Protein backbone atom coordinates (compact mmCIF):
# COMPACT_ATOMS: atom_id res chain seq x y z
CA MET A 1 3.86 17.23 25.54
CA ALA A 2 3.84 20.88 24.48
CA GLU A 3 6.30 21.78 27.23
CA VAL A 4 8.77 19.00 26.38
CA PRO A 5 11.64 20.27 24.21
CA ALA A 6 12.05 18.54 20.85
CA VAL A 7 15.59 17.45 21.74
CA GLU A 8 14.19 15.48 24.68
CA VAL A 9 11.51 13.80 22.57
CA VAL A 10 14.05 12.77 19.92
CA SER A 11 16.57 11.62 22.55
CA THR A 12 13.92 9.53 24.29
CA ALA A 13 12.89 7.89 21.01
CA ALA A 14 16.54 7.16 20.25
CA VAL A 15 17.07 5.56 23.66
CA HIS A 16 14.04 3.33 23.10
CA LEU A 17 15.45 2.25 19.73
CA LEU A 18 18.87 1.64 21.31
CA SER A 19 17.34 -0.49 24.06
CA ALA A 20 15.11 -2.51 21.74
CA SER A 21 18.04 -3.11 19.39
CA ALA A 22 20.17 -4.39 22.25
CA VAL A 23 17.43 -6.79 23.30
CA HIS A 24 17.08 -8.15 19.76
CA LEU A 25 20.85 -8.54 19.51
CA GLY A 26 20.72 -10.72 22.63
CA LEU A 27 22.71 -8.19 24.66
CA ALA A 28 20.18 -7.79 27.47
CA ASP A 29 21.46 -9.73 30.48
CA ASP A 30 18.03 -10.95 31.42
CA LEU A 31 16.85 -11.73 27.85
CA PRO A 32 19.76 -13.32 25.91
CA GLU A 33 17.40 -15.82 24.25
CA HIS A 34 15.54 -13.06 22.40
CA ARG A 35 18.13 -12.68 19.62
CA ASP A 36 16.43 -11.75 16.36
CA LEU A 37 18.81 -10.14 13.90
CA ASP A 38 16.06 -9.22 11.42
CA GLU A 39 14.30 -7.20 14.12
CA ALA A 40 17.61 -5.72 15.27
CA ARG A 41 18.43 -4.64 11.70
CA THR A 42 15.12 -2.79 11.39
CA LEU A 43 15.59 -1.02 14.71
CA ILE A 44 19.21 -0.06 14.00
CA ASP A 45 18.22 1.28 10.56
CA ALA A 46 15.49 3.39 12.19
CA LEU A 47 17.91 4.67 14.85
CA ALA A 48 20.54 5.59 12.25
CA GLY A 49 17.96 7.43 10.15
CA LEU A 50 16.63 9.30 13.16
CA LEU A 51 20.07 10.34 14.36
CA THR A 52 21.21 11.38 10.89
CA ALA A 53 18.15 13.56 10.44
CA ALA A 54 18.11 15.00 13.95
CA ALA A 55 21.82 15.40 14.74
CA PRO A 56 22.06 18.99 13.47
CA HIS A 57 19.28 19.92 15.89
CA LEU A 58 20.49 17.90 18.88
CA GLY A 59 23.89 19.45 19.35
CA HIS A 60 27.05 17.55 20.20
CA HIS A 61 26.13 17.09 23.85
CA HIS A 62 23.07 14.98 22.98
CA ALA A 63 24.13 13.51 19.63
CA ALA A 64 27.59 12.16 20.53
CA PRO A 65 26.54 9.52 23.09
CA LEU A 66 23.65 8.41 20.89
CA ARG A 67 26.00 8.01 17.92
CA ASP A 68 28.42 6.05 20.11
CA GLY A 69 25.57 3.76 21.13
CA LEU A 70 24.55 3.31 17.51
CA LYS A 71 28.09 2.39 16.50
CA SER A 72 28.29 -0.15 19.34
CA LEU A 73 25.06 -1.76 18.15
CA GLN A 74 26.28 -1.84 14.56
CA LEU A 75 29.50 -3.55 15.65
CA ALA A 76 27.57 -6.02 17.84
CA PHE A 77 25.31 -6.81 14.90
CA ARG A 78 28.33 -7.48 12.67
CA GLU A 79 29.81 -9.74 15.34
CA ALA A 80 26.55 -11.66 15.81
CA SER A 81 25.97 -12.24 12.09
CA LEU A 82 26.91 -15.65 10.76
CA ILE A 83 27.26 -14.17 7.28
CA PRO A 84 28.54 -10.60 7.70
CA ASP A 85 27.19 -7.83 5.51
CA ALA A 86 29.58 -6.20 3.07
CA ALA A 87 31.12 -2.95 4.28
CA GLY A 88 28.53 -0.21 3.98
CA GLU A 89 25.61 -2.64 3.81
CA GLY A 90 25.15 -3.39 7.50
CA PRO A 91 22.24 -2.00 9.47
CA GLY A 92 22.21 1.78 9.45
CA GLU A 93 25.34 2.01 7.31
CA LYS A 94 23.46 3.64 4.44
CA PHE A 95 23.15 6.59 6.84
CA THR A 96 26.44 6.36 8.77
CA GLY A 97 28.81 4.87 6.23
CA PRO A 98 30.77 1.67 6.91
CA VAL A 99 31.40 0.87 10.56
CA TYR A 100 34.63 -0.75 11.69
CA GLY A 101 35.82 -1.80 15.12
C-alpha cells in the first residue's frame, strides 16, 4: 500500500462507491431487482463527500469523470424516486448543490 499513490486509493474507493450506488439504484444489468434507494442514498452521500474533500488533490483528469458519474447517479436517483426530494436535498446535494438534468 505504501507505494500506491493517494490519488489511486481515492479513485478506487470512489469507483467502488459508484458501482455499489448503481447496483442499489437497480442500474446493474444483471441485478435490477436489487433496488434499494435508502442504501443508494447513503452511498451517493458518501461518494459526494469523498469527491468534494478530495477533488483539490485529484486534479481535473481524475476528478472530472468521477464527478460526471456522481451526477449521473444523482439524476438516476431522482428519476427512480416516487416522491422526489426538493432541489438541494437529494443524495449528495449538500456537497454538490442541486442537480438538474
